């Protein structure tokens, strides 16, 4: 019997041939030995399946499967997580364009094993197009109560979750939640981590353990063009604030964030955002139970010192583009 807990490493891939080789080799290079690796190909057309299959042929720990049909992003992520081994104690997602430093699994598993209440383990990461370590934890402690982390994330005081490639998850906390990712959210990984942290603690390794690549794929492009993280934070506040604060505090925090969001929208009027941007924003606000209000946008423009006549003109132009 192997005394070390099993980690299932999962990579969902679609047309990731440019980076998949480095991703797979980083998993094979782990100093922690007790892992199995599931690569799930989403009908790639660029040779990703062939690359993964070549590695699987030479390493019995690697298993490759191919979806019978193309799945949307979150459906594919959920399908990939359904491949989690029944005897795995931990799950480590690594996206096909990211990679792990050799001590990643060893450091994360060691922290989690020493602290059974930890459900999510994070660490510093290197991001391709940004200087620094990509994470912000205002305390120097290895374990932080999960609900404290949730409050810090929702209030933008902490940024410790990063990307799916950046965290290790305790498997038994995942198995009860199917589907694990909310397909209605573009940043469903943050929502899923917050959901786990409502019931467990966060472990943080103060070392650089992962590399995150950023490039101009459709999800990343939409995120940047529409500022989807800012927008979806309104939904997350609606979802989690009532369980973290008093009723009056939750209402005050949400209203403050909503005011800030309308000031962002007022500035966006003068950035020539297209109709798709505004359709997205109106949909987000409706889902956050705060339907779009023209009057609130005009007041926000005034707070920002924008000319009201120009604002009205820009508003009419936005709906025609």
C-alpha atoms as a PDB file:
ATOM      1  CA  UNK A   1       0.000   0.000   0.000  1.00  0.00           C
ATOM      2  CA  UNK A   2       1.214   3.495  -0.840  1.00  0.00           C
ATOM      3  CA  UNK A   3       0.951   5.713   2.273  1.00  0.00           C
ATOM      4  CA  UNK A   4       0.873   8.869   0.180  1.00  0.00           C
ATOM      5  CA  UNK A   5      -2.572  10.116  -0.835  1.00  0.00           C
ATOM      6  CA  UNK A   6      -3.484   9.933  -4.502  1.00  0.00           C
ATOM      7  CA  UNK A   7      -3.756  13.122  -6.525  1.00  0.00           C
ATOM      8  CA  UNK A   8      -5.772  13.090  -9.734  1.00  0.00           C
ATOM      9  CA  UNK A   9      -4.321  15.669 -12.114  1.00  0.00           C
ATOM     10  CA  UNK A  10      -6.794  16.768 -14.804  1.00  0.00           C
ATOM     11  CA  UNK A  11      -6.198  18.675 -18.030  1.00  0.00           C
ATOM     12  CA  UNK A  12      -9.137  19.546 -20.281  1.00  0.00           C
ATOM     13  CA  UNK A  13      -7.712  20.505 -23.670  1.00  0.00           C
ATOM     14  CA  UNK A  14      -9.053  21.975 -26.885  1.00  0.00           C
ATOM     15  CA  UNK A  15      -6.534  22.850 -29.595  1.00  0.00           C
ATOM     16  CA  UNK A  16      -3.717  23.266 -27.102  1.00  0.00           C
ATOM     17  CA  UNK A  17      -0.955  21.673 -29.157  1.00  0.00           C
ATOM     18  CA  UNK A  18       1.349  24.687 -28.869  1.00  0.00           C
ATOM     19  CA  UNK A  19       1.667  24.277 -25.101  1.00  0.00           C
ATOM     20  CA  UNK A  20       0.427  20.795 -24.181  1.00  0.00           C
ATOM     21  CA  UNK A  21       3.837  19.153 -24.400  1.00  0.00           C
ATOM     22  CA  UNK A  22       5.272  21.472 -21.709  1.00  0.00           C
ATOM     23  CA  UNK A  23       2.179  21.002 -19.552  1.00  0.00           C
ATOM     24  CA  UNK A  24       2.425  17.197 -19.604  1.00  0.00           C
ATOM     25  CA  UNK A  25       6.165  17.187 -18.972  1.00  0.00           C
ATOM     26  CA  UNK A  26       5.662  19.430 -15.937  1.00  0.00           C
ATOM     27  CA  UNK A  27       3.294  16.862 -14.431  1.00  0.00           C
ATOM     28  CA  UNK A  28       5.726  14.040 -15.127  1.00  0.00           C
ATOM     29  CA  UNK A  29       8.492  16.067 -13.456  1.00  0.00           C
ATOM     30  CA  UNK A  30       6.664  16.292 -10.119  1.00  0.00           C
ATOM     31  CA  UNK A  31       8.724  15.257  -7.107  1.00  0.00           C
ATOM     32  CA  UNK A  32       5.538  13.915  -5.550  1.00  0.00           C
ATOM     33  CA  UNK A  33       5.125  10.422  -7.037  1.00  0.00           C
ATOM     34  CA  UNK A  34       1.563   9.319  -6.265  1.00  0.00           C
ATOM     35  CA  UNK A  35      -0.540  10.844  -9.039  1.00  0.00           C
ATOM     36  CA  UNK A  36      -2.646   9.789 -11.985  1.00  0.00           C
ATOM     37  CA  UNK A  37      -3.117  12.126 -14.911  1.00  0.00           C
ATOM     38  CA  UNK A  38      -6.342  12.432 -16.921  1.00  0.00           C
ATOM     39  CA  UNK A  39      -6.195  14.387 -20.186  1.00  0.00           C
ATOM     40  CA  UNK A  40      -9.599  15.007 -21.766  1.00  0.00           C
ATOM     41  CA  UNK A  41      -9.537  16.132 -25.388  1.00  0.00           C
ATOM     42  CA  UNK A  42     -12.507  18.225 -26.519  1.00  0.00           C
ATOM     43  CA  UNK A  43     -12.515  17.334 -30.227  1.00  0.00           C
ATOM     44  CA  UNK A  44      -9.232  19.123 -30.952  1.00  0.00           C
ATOM     45  CA  UNK A  45      -8.214  19.549 -34.582  1.00  0.00           C
ATOM     46  CA  UNK A  46      -4.583  20.606 -34.082  1.00  0.00           C
ATOM     47  CA  UNK A  47      -2.839  17.440 -32.962  1.00  0.00           C
ATOM     48  CA  UNK A  48      -3.482  17.790 -29.220  1.00  0.00           C
ATOM     49  CA  UNK A  49      -4.907  14.270 -29.057  1.00  0.00           C
ATOM     50  CA  UNK A  50      -1.867  12.811 -30.785  1.00  0.00           C
ATOM     51  CA  UNK A  51       0.512  14.603 -28.398  1.00  0.00           C
ATOM     52  CA  UNK A  52      -1.364  13.385 -25.324  1.00  0.00           C
ATOM     53  CA  UNK A  53      -1.653   9.856 -26.690  1.00  0.00           C
ATOM     54  CA  UNK A  54       2.072   9.690 -27.337  1.00  0.00           C
ATOM     55  CA  UNK A  55       2.807  10.471 -23.696  1.00  0.00           C
ATOM     56  CA  UNK A  56       0.146   8.034 -22.480  1.00  0.00           C
ATOM     57  CA  UNK A  57       1.728   5.252 -24.525  1.00  0.00           C
ATOM     58  CA  UNK A  58       4.960   5.674 -22.594  1.00  0.00           C
ATOM     59  CA  UNK A  59       3.579   6.364 -19.110  1.00  0.00           C
ATOM     60  CA  UNK A  60       0.914   4.164 -17.516  1.00  0.00           C
ATOM     61  CA  UNK A  61      -0.038   6.947 -15.092  1.00  0.00           C
ATOM     62  CA  UNK A  62      -1.433   9.023 -17.969  1.00  0.00           C
ATOM     63  CA  UNK A  63      -4.902   8.314 -19.358  1.00  0.00           C
ATOM     64  CA  UNK A  64      -6.308  10.073 -22.417  1.00  0.00           C
ATOM     65  CA  UNK A  65      -9.959  10.269 -23.476  1.00  0.00           C
ATOM     66  CA  UNK A  66     -11.718  12.171 -26.248  1.00  0.00           C
ATOM     67  CA  UNK A  67     -15.174  13.698 -26.013  1.00  0.00           C
ATOM     68  CA  UNK A  68     -17.666  12.180 -28.416  1.00  0.00           C
ATOM     69  CA  UNK A  69     -18.806  15.697 -29.293  1.00  0.00           C
ATOM     70  CA  UNK A  70     -17.524  19.222 -28.757  1.00  0.00           C
ATOM     71  CA  UNK A  71     -18.585  20.702 -25.410  1.00  0.00           C
ATOM     72  CA  UNK A  72     -18.873  24.334 -24.374  1.00  0.00           C
ATOM     73  CA  UNK A  73     -16.162  25.558 -22.011  1.00  0.00           C
ATOM     74  CA  UNK A  74     -17.852  24.970 -18.654  1.00  0.00           C
ATOM     75  CA  UNK A  75     -19.556  21.776 -19.797  1.00  0.00           C
ATOM     76  CA  UNK A  76     -16.124  20.500 -20.789  1.00  0.00           C
ATOM     77  CA  UNK A  77     -14.601  21.485 -17.446  1.00  0.00           C
ATOM     78  CA  UNK A  78     -17.411  19.709 -15.591  1.00  0.00           C
ATOM     79  CA  UNK A  79     -17.040  16.641 -17.771  1.00  0.00           C
ATOM     80  CA  UNK A  80     -13.293  16.629 -17.130  1.00  0.00           C
ATOM     81  CA  UNK A  81     -13.797  16.767 -13.364  1.00  0.00           C
ATOM     82  CA  UNK A  82     -16.163  13.808 -13.581  1.00  0.00           C
ATOM     83  CA  UNK A  83     -13.027  11.752 -14.392  1.00  0.00           C
ATOM     84  CA  UNK A  84     -11.748  12.213 -10.828  1.00  0.00           C
ATOM     85  CA  UNK A  85     -10.497   8.878  -9.480  1.00  0.00           C
ATOM     86  CA  UNK A  86     -12.717   7.303  -6.835  1.00  0.00           C
ATOM     87  CA  UNK A  87      -9.728   6.774  -4.544  1.00  0.00           C
ATOM     88  CA  UNK A  88      -8.174  10.216  -5.042  1.00  0.00           C
ATOM     89  CA  UNK A  89      -7.853  12.421  -1.981  1.00  0.00           C
ATOM     90  CA  UNK A  90      -6.960  15.523  -3.994  1.00  0.00           C
ATOM     91  CA  UNK A  91      -7.686  17.020  -7.398  1.00  0.00           C
ATOM     92  CA  UNK A  92      -5.227  19.227  -9.270  1.00  0.00           C
ATOM     93  CA  UNK A  93      -6.407  20.921 -12.444  1.00  0.00           C
ATOM     94  CA  UNK A  94      -3.709  22.177 -14.790  1.00  0.00           C
ATOM     95  CA  UNK A  95      -4.869  23.826 -17.986  1.00  0.00           C
ATOM     96  CA  UNK A  96      -3.163  22.787 -21.180  1.00  0.00           C
ATOM     97  CA  UNK A  97      -1.387  26.124 -21.636  1.00  0.00           C
ATOM     98  CA  UNK A  98      -0.114  26.271 -18.025  1.00  0.00           C
ATOM     99  CA  UNK A  99       2.466  24.219 -16.154  1.00  0.00           C
ATOM    100  CA  UNK A 100       3.560  23.213 -12.657  1.00  0.00           C
ATOM    101  CA  UNK A 101       6.896  23.683 -10.930  1.00  0.00           C
ATOM    102  CA  UNK A 102       8.387  20.334  -9.809  1.00  0.00           C
ATOM    103  CA  UNK A 103       7.524  20.787  -6.100  1.00  0.00           C
ATOM    104  CA  UNK A 104       3.918  21.864  -6.702  1.00  0.00           C
ATOM    105  CA  UNK A 105       2.093  18.679  -5.718  1.00  0.00           C
ATOM    106  CA  UNK A 106       4.493  17.850  -2.876  1.00  0.00           C
ATOM    107  CA  UNK A 107       4.151  21.270  -1.240  1.00  0.00           C
ATOM    108  CA  UNK A 108       0.374  21.513  -1.657  1.00  0.00           C
ATOM    109  CA  UNK A 109      -0.344  17.976  -0.480  1.00  0.00           C
ATOM    110  CA  UNK A 110       1.940  18.345   2.538  1.00  0.00           C
ATOM    111  CA  UNK A 111       0.103  21.463   3.674  1.00  0.00           C
ATOM    112  CA  UNK A 112      -3.307  19.871   3.188  1.00  0.00           C
ATOM    113  CA  UNK A 113      -2.308  16.657   4.950  1.00  0.00           C
ATOM    114  CA  UNK A 114      -1.058  18.641   7.958  1.00  0.00           C
ATOM    115  CA  UNK A 115      -4.327  20.583   8.124  1.00  0.00           C
ATOM    116  CA  UNK A 116      -7.409  18.376   7.585  1.00  0.00           C
ATOM    117  CA  UNK A 117      -9.738  21.362   7.682  1.00  0.00           C
ATOM    118  CA  UNK A 118      -8.165  22.803   4.522  1.00  0.00           C
ATOM    119  CA  UNK A 119     -10.321  22.274   1.433  1.00  0.00           C
ATOM    120  CA  UNK A 120      -8.470  24.577  -0.985  1.00  0.00           C
ATOM    121  CA  UNK A 121      -4.704  25.067  -1.288  1.00  0.00           C
ATOM    122  CA  UNK A 122      -3.249  28.005  -3.202  1.00  0.00           C
ATOM    123  CA  UNK A 123       0.263  29.377  -3.719  1.00  0.00           C
ATOM    124  CA  UNK A 124       2.166  32.094  -5.507  1.00  0.00           C
ATOM    125  CA  UNK A 125       2.197  31.825  -9.279  1.00  0.00           C
ATOM    126  CA  UNK A 126       4.033  33.429 -12.161  1.00  0.00           C
ATOM    127  CA  UNK A 127       1.844  34.976 -14.870  1.00  0.00           C
ATOM    128  CA  UNK A 128       3.164  35.263 -18.394  1.00  0.00           C
ATOM    129  CA  UNK A 129       2.290  38.893 -19.033  1.00  0.00           C
ATOM    130  CA  UNK A 130       2.402  40.373 -15.542  1.00  0.00           C
ATOM    131  CA  UNK A 131       5.313  41.088 -13.203  1.00  0.00           C
ATOM    132  CA  UNK A 132       5.128  39.851  -9.627  1.00  0.00           C
ATOM    133  CA  UNK A 133       3.654  36.748  -8.084  1.00  0.00           C
ATOM    134  CA  UNK A 134      -0.011  37.146  -9.003  1.00  0.00           C
ATOM    135  CA  UNK A 135      -1.458  36.599  -5.502  1.00  0.00           C
ATOM    136  CA  UNK A 136      -2.292  38.846  -2.573  1.00  0.00           C
ATOM    137  CA  UNK A 137      -2.734  37.462   0.938  1.00  0.00           C
ATOM    138  CA  UNK A 138      -2.527  40.135   3.667  1.00  0.00           C
ATOM    139  CA  UNK A 139      -1.449  37.652   6.312  1.00  0.00           C
ATOM    140  CA  UNK A 140       1.682  35.560   6.606  1.00  0.00           C
ATOM    141  CA  UNK A 141      -0.121  32.463   7.813  1.00  0.00           C
ATOM    142  CA  UNK A 142      -0.347  29.096   6.079  1.00  0.00           C
ATOM    143  CA  UNK A 143      -3.994  28.467   7.026  1.00  0.00           C
ATOM    144  CA  UNK A 144      -6.809  31.035   6.973  1.00  0.00           C
ATOM    145  CA  UNK A 145     -10.474  30.411   7.850  1.00  0.00           C
ATOM    146  CA  UNK A 146     -12.379  29.952   4.608  1.00  0.00           C
ATOM    147  CA  UNK A 147     -15.124  32.457   5.310  1.00  0.00           C
ATOM    148  CA  UNK A 148     -12.496  35.085   6.116  1.00  0.00           C
ATOM    149  CA  UNK A 149     -10.995  34.439   2.682  1.00  0.00           C
ATOM    150  CA  UNK A 150     -14.444  34.699   1.082  1.00  0.00           C
ATOM    151  CA  UNK A 151     -14.966  38.106   2.674  1.00  0.00           C
ATOM    152  CA  UNK A 152     -11.508  39.223   1.562  1.00  0.00           C
ATOM    153  CA  UNK A 153     -12.128  38.097  -2.019  1.00  0.00           C
ATOM    154  CA  UNK A 154     -15.567  39.708  -2.200  1.00  0.00           C
ATOM    155  CA  UNK A 155     -14.243  42.975  -0.759  1.00  0.00           C
ATOM    156  CA  UNK A 156     -11.196  42.918  -3.084  1.00  0.00           C
ATOM    157  CA  UNK A 157      -8.796  42.825  -0.117  1.00  0.00           C
ATOM    158  CA  UNK A 158      -7.439  39.411  -1.088  1.00  0.00           C
ATOM    159  CA  UNK A 159      -6.585  37.729  -4.336  1.00  0.00           C
ATOM    160  CA  UNK A 160      -5.507  34.199  -3.498  1.00  0.00           C
ATOM    161  CA  UNK A 161      -7.510  31.913  -5.777  1.00  0.00           C
ATOM    162  CA  UNK A 162      -5.956  32.810  -9.108  1.00  0.00           C
ATOM    163  CA  UNK A 163      -6.784  30.356 -11.895  1.00  0.00           C
ATOM    164  CA  UNK A 164      -7.841  26.680 -11.700  1.00  0.00           C
ATOM    165  CA  UNK A 165      -4.223  25.712 -12.422  1.00  0.00           C
ATOM    166  CA  UNK A 166      -3.204  27.597  -9.290  1.00  0.00           C
ATOM    167  CA  UNK A 167      -5.095  25.574  -6.658  1.00  0.00           C
ATOM    168  CA  UNK A 168      -5.390  22.069  -5.217  1.00  0.00           C
ATOM    169  CA  UNK A 169      -8.826  20.844  -4.103  1.00  0.00           C
ATOM    170  CA  UNK A 170      -9.780  18.228  -1.542  1.00  0.00           C
ATOM    171  CA  UNK A 171     -11.617  15.608  -3.575  1.00  0.00           C
ATOM    172  CA  UNK A 172     -14.257  14.570  -1.034  1.00  0.00           C
ATOM    173  CA  UNK A 173     -15.469  18.172  -0.885  1.00  0.00           C
ATOM    174  CA  UNK A 174     -15.928  18.146  -4.672  1.00  0.00           C
ATOM    175  CA  UNK A 175     -17.771  14.865  -5.112  1.00  0.00           C
ATOM    176  CA  UNK A 176     -20.933  16.134  -3.433  1.00  0.00           C
ATOM    177  CA  UNK A 177     -21.190  19.015  -5.889  1.00  0.00           C
ATOM    178  CA  UNK A 178     -22.183  18.015  -9.407  1.00  0.00           C
ATOM    179  CA  UNK A 179     -21.824  19.902 -11.607  1.00  0.00           C
ATOM    180  CA  UNK A 180     -18.892  21.503  -9.865  1.00  0.00           C
ATOM    181  CA  UNK A 181     -18.762  24.613 -12.071  1.00  0.00           C
ATOM    182  CA  UNK A 182     -21.756  26.897 -12.638  1.00  0.00           C
ATOM    183  CA  UNK A 183     -22.059  27.031 -16.437  1.00  0.00           C
ATOM    184  CA  UNK A 184     -23.861  30.398 -16.213  1.00  0.00           C
ATOM    185  CA  UNK A 185     -20.640  32.084 -15.059  1.00  0.00           C
ATOM    186  CA  UNK A 186     -17.577  32.863 -17.135  1.00  0.00           C
ATOM    187  CA  UNK A 187     -15.436  32.806 -13.973  1.00  0.00           C
ATOM    188  CA  UNK A 188     -17.045  29.738 -12.462  1.00  0.00           C
ATOM    189  CA  UNK A 189     -13.741  28.638 -10.944  1.00  0.00           C
ATOM    190  CA  UNK A 190     -13.848  31.520  -8.447  1.00  0.00           C
ATOM    191  CA  UNK A 191     -17.443  30.724  -7.545  1.00  0.00           C
ATOM    192  CA  UNK A 192     -16.585  27.045  -7.003  1.00  0.00           C
ATOM    193  CA  UNK A 193     -13.622  27.886  -4.770  1.00  0.00           C
ATOM    194  CA  UNK A 194     -15.706  30.304  -2.695  1.00  0.00           C
ATOM    195  CA  UNK A 195     -18.360  27.623  -2.330  1.00  0.00           C
ATOM    196  CA  UNK A 196     -15.787  25.214  -0.882  1.00  0.00           C
ATOM    197  CA  UNK A 197     -14.309  27.900   1.353  1.00  0.00           C
ATOM    198  CA  UNK A 198     -17.672  28.600   2.916  1.00  0.00           C
ATOM    199  CA  UNK A 199     -17.256  25.210   4.622  1.00  0.00           C
ATOM    200  CA  UNK A 200     -13.454  24.696   4.746  1.00  0.00           C
ATOM    201  CA  UNK A 201     -10.198  26.603   5.294  1.00  0.00           C
ATOM    202  CA  UNK A 202      -7.664  27.931   2.810  1.00  0.00           C
ATOM    203  CA  UNK A 203      -4.090  26.688   2.836  1.00  0.00           C
ATOM    204  CA  UNK A 204      -1.451  28.888   1.233  1.00  0.00           C
ATOM    205  CA  UNK A 205       2.079  27.863   0.269  1.00  0.00           C
ATOM    206  CA  UNK A 206       4.420  30.850   0.196  1.00  0.00           C
ATOM    207  CA  UNK A 207       6.349  29.584  -2.815  1.00  0.00           C
ATOM    208  CA  UNK A 208       5.974  29.933  -6.574  1.00  0.00           C
ATOM    209  CA  UNK A 209       4.401  26.642  -7.677  1.00  0.00           C
ATOM    210  CA  UNK A 210       2.597  27.312 -10.982  1.00  0.00           C
ATOM    211  CA  UNK A 211       2.944  29.216 -14.238  1.00  0.00           C
ATOM    212  CA  UNK A 212      -0.139  30.716 -15.869  1.00  0.00           C
ATOM    213  CA  UNK A 213      -0.103  31.610 -19.534  1.00  0.00           C
ATOM    214  CA  UNK A 214      -2.378  34.305 -20.883  1.00  0.00           C
ATOM    215  CA  UNK A 215      -3.153  34.763 -24.533  1.00  0.00           C
ATOM    216  CA  UNK A 216      -5.906  35.991 -26.779  1.00  0.00           C
ATOM    217  CA  UNK A 217      -8.369  33.106 -26.637  1.00  0.00           C
ATOM    218  CA  UNK A 218     -12.099  33.793 -26.793  1.00  0.00           C
ATOM    219  CA  UNK A 219     -12.731  33.550 -23.046  1.00  0.00           C
ATOM    220  CA  UNK A 220      -9.787  35.802 -22.184  1.00  0.00           C
ATOM    221  CA  UNK A 221     -10.781  38.277 -24.902  1.00  0.00           C
ATOM    222  CA  UNK A 222     -14.359  38.503 -23.661  1.00  0.00           C
ATOM    223  CA  UNK A 223     -13.160  38.895 -20.099  1.00  0.00           C
ATOM    224  CA  UNK A 224     -10.967  41.834 -20.993  1.00  0.00           C
ATOM    225  CA  UNK A 225     -13.383  43.525 -23.395  1.00  0.00           C
ATOM    226  CA  UNK A 226     -16.399  43.249 -21.076  1.00  0.00           C
ATOM    227  CA  UNK A 227     -14.521  43.382 -17.734  1.00  0.00           C
ATOM    228  CA  UNK A 228     -16.411  40.251 -16.755  1.00  0.00           C
ATOM    229  CA  UNK A 229     -14.624  39.745 -13.442  1.00  0.00           C
ATOM    230  CA  UNK A 230     -15.871  43.087 -12.139  1.00  0.00           C
ATOM    231  CA  UNK A 231     -19.360  42.329 -13.398  1.00  0.00           C
ATOM    232  CA  UNK A 232     -19.622  38.775 -12.098  1.00  0.00           C
ATOM    233  CA  UNK A 233     -18.445  39.911  -8.673  1.00  0.00           C
ATOM    234  CA  UNK A 234     -21.897  41.479  -8.330  1.00  0.00           C
ATOM    235  CA  UNK A 235     -23.438  38.030  -8.759  1.00  0.00           C
ATOM    236  CA  UNK A 236     -21.030  36.507  -6.255  1.00  0.00           C
ATOM    237  CA  UNK A 237     -21.890  39.194  -3.725  1.00  0.00           C
ATOM    238  CA  UNK A 238     -25.586  38.360  -4.123  1.00  0.00           C
ATOM    239  CA  UNK A 239     -24.791  34.678  -3.704  1.00  0.00           C
ATOM    240  CA  UNK A 240     -22.467  34.737  -0.695  1.00  0.00           C
ATOM    241  CA  UNK A 241     -22.787  38.048   1.182  1.00  0.00           C
ATOM    242  CA  UNK A 242     -26.054  37.076   2.970  1.00  0.00           C
ATOM    243  CA  UNK A 243     -24.176  34.130   4.555  1.00  0.00           C
ATOM    244  CA  UNK A 244     -21.126  36.189   5.525  1.00  0.00           C
ATOM    245  CA  UNK A 245     -22.551  39.476   6.825  1.00  0.00           C
ATOM    246  CA  UNK A 246     -25.575  40.820   8.619  1.00  0.00           C
ATOM    247  CA  UNK A 247     -28.483  41.829   6.404  1.00  0.00           C
ATOM    248  CA  UNK A 248     -27.649  45.522   6.686  1.00  0.00           C
ATOM    249  CA  UNK A 249     -23.931  44.940   6.046  1.00  0.00           C
ATOM    250  CA  UNK A 250     -24.641  42.780   2.993  1.00  0.00           C
ATOM    251  CA  UNK A 251     -26.964  45.430   1.594  1.00  0.00           C
ATOM    252  CA  UNK A 252     -24.433  48.200   2.236  1.00  0.00           C
ATOM    253  CA  UNK A 253     -21.574  46.285   0.608  1.00  0.00           C
ATOM    254  CA  UNK A 254     -23.680  45.405  -2.432  1.00  0.00           C
ATOM    255  CA  UNK A 255     -24.898  48.983  -2.889  1.00  0.00           C
ATOM    256  CA  UNK A 256     -21.359  50.290  -2.632  1.00  0.00           C
ATOM    257  CA  UNK A 257     -20.185  47.828  -5.276  1.00  0.00           C
ATOM    258  CA  UNK A 258     -23.182  48.663  -7.477  1.00  0.00           C
ATOM    259  CA  UNK A 259     -22.386  52.392  -7.268  1.00  0.00           C
ATOM    260  CA  UNK A 260     -18.809  51.640  -8.282  1.00  0.00           C
ATOM    261  CA  UNK A 261     -20.059  49.488 -11.152  1.00  0.00           C
ATOM    262  CA  UNK A 262     -22.270  52.266 -12.500  1.00  0.00           C
ATOM    263  CA  UNK A 263     -19.315  54.664 -12.415  1.00  0.00           C
ATOM    264  CA  UNK A 264     -17.418  52.091 -14.466  1.00  0.00           C
ATOM    265  CA  UNK A 265     -20.361  51.935 -16.902  1.00  0.00           C
ATOM    266  CA  UNK A 266     -20.498  55.727 -17.129  1.00  0.00           C
ATOM    267  CA  UNK A 267     -16.834  55.833 -18.146  1.00  0.00           C
ATOM    268  CA  UNK A 268     -17.444  52.970 -20.575  1.00  0.00           C
ATOM    269  CA  UNK A 269     -19.931  55.138 -22.459  1.00  0.00           C
ATOM    270  CA  UNK A 270     -17.032  57.242 -23.705  1.00  0.00           C
ATOM    271  CA  UNK A 271     -14.907  54.233 -24.656  1.00  0.00           C
ATOM    272  CA  UNK A 272     -17.178  53.330 -27.569  1.00  0.00           C
ATOM    273  CA  UNK A 273     -18.218  49.950 -26.171  1.00  0.00           C
ATOM    274  CA  UNK A 274     -20.458  48.062 -28.589  1.00  0.00           C
ATOM    275  CA  UNK A 275     -24.015  46.823 -28.118  1.00  0.00           C
ATOM    276  CA  UNK A 276     -22.796  43.358 -27.063  1.00  0.00           C
ATOM    277  CA  UNK A 277     -21.029  44.950 -24.095  1.00  0.00           C
ATOM    278  CA  UNK A 278     -24.198  46.718 -22.987  1.00  0.00           C
ATOM    279  CA  UNK A 279     -26.362  43.643 -23.531  1.00  0.00           C
ATOM    280  CA  UNK A 280     -23.971  41.686 -21.330  1.00  0.00           C
ATOM    281  CA  UNK A 281     -24.035  44.354 -18.602  1.00  0.00           C
ATOM    282  CA  UNK A 282     -27.820  44.545 -18.584  1.00  0.00           C
ATOM    283  CA  UNK A 283     -28.016  40.759 -18.324  1.00  0.00           C
ATOM    284  CA  UNK A 284     -25.550  40.672 -15.407  1.00  0.00           C
ATOM    285  CA  UNK A 285     -27.433  43.380 -13.531  1.00  0.00           C
ATOM    286  CA  UNK A 286     -30.729  41.576 -14.029  1.00  0.00           C
ATOM    287  CA  UNK A 287     -29.236  38.335 -12.714  1.00  0.00           C
ATOM    288  CA  UNK A 288     -27.838  40.241  -9.724  1.00  0.00           C
ATOM    289  CA  UNK A 289     -31.409  41.407  -8.969  1.00  0.00           C
ATOM    290  CA  UNK A 290     -30.443  45.004  -9.741  1.00  0.00           C
ATOM    291  CA  UNK A 291     -31.987  45.778 -13.157  1.00  0.00           C
ATOM    292  CA  UNK A 292     -30.265  48.408 -15.278  1.00  0.00           C
ATOM    293  CA  UNK A 293     -31.396  51.981 -14.527  1.00  0.00           C
ATOM    294  CA  UNK A 294     -30.702  54.872 -16.907  1.00  0.00           C
ATOM    295  CA  UNK A 295     -31.195  57.348 -14.074  1.00  0.00           C
ATOM    296  CA  UNK A 296     -28.522  55.647 -12.003  1.00  0.00           C
ATOM    297  CA  UNK A 297     -26.118  55.741 -14.922  1.00  0.00           C
ATOM    298  CA  UNK A 298     -26.679  59.489 -15.350  1.00  0.00           C
ATOM    299  CA  UNK A 299     -26.082  60.089 -11.632  1.00  0.00           C
ATOM    300  CA  UNK A 300     -22.899  58.025 -11.815  1.00  0.00           C
ATOM    301  CA  UNK A 301     -21.728  60.108 -14.779  1.00  0.00           C
ATOM    302  CA  UNK A 302     -22.255  63.252 -12.715  1.00  0.00           C
ATOM    303  CA  UNK A 303     -20.236  61.776  -9.836  1.00  0.00           C
ATOM    304  CA  UNK A 304     -17.447  61.040 -12.317  1.00  0.00           C
ATOM    305  CA  UNK A 305     -17.532  64.649 -13.478  1.00  0.00           C
ATOM    306  CA  UNK A 306     -18.755  63.761 -16.963  1.00  0.00           C
ATOM    307  CA  UNK A 307     -20.796  66.231 -18.982  1.00  0.00           C
ATOM    308  CA  UNK A 308     -24.452  65.174 -18.813  1.00  0.00           C
ATOM    309  CA  UNK A 309     -25.248  66.280 -22.373  1.00  0.00           C
ATOM    310  CA  UNK A 310     -22.272  64.339 -23.709  1.00  0.00           C
ATOM    311  CA  UNK A 311     -23.282  61.371 -21.553  1.00  0.00           C
ATOM    312  CA  UNK A 312     -26.773  61.280 -23.043  1.00  0.00           C
ATOM    313  CA  UNK A 313     -25.340  61.520 -26.528  1.00  0.00           C
ATOM    314  CA  UNK A 314     -22.878  58.709 -25.821  1.00  0.00           C
ATOM    315  CA  UNK A 315     -25.698  56.621 -24.332  1.00  0.00           C
ATOM    316  CA  UNK A 316     -27.800  56.941 -27.486  1.00  0.00           C
ATOM    317  CA  UNK A 317     -24.774  56.027 -29.592  1.00  0.00           C
ATOM    318  CA  UNK A 318     -24.001  52.956 -27.489  1.00  0.00           C
ATOM    319  CA  UNK A 319     -27.370  51.411 -28.192  1.00  0.00           C
ATOM    320  CA  UNK A 320     -26.987  51.907 -31.953  1.00  0.00           C
ATOM    321  CA  UNK A 321     -23.587  50.204 -32.302  1.00  0.00           C
END
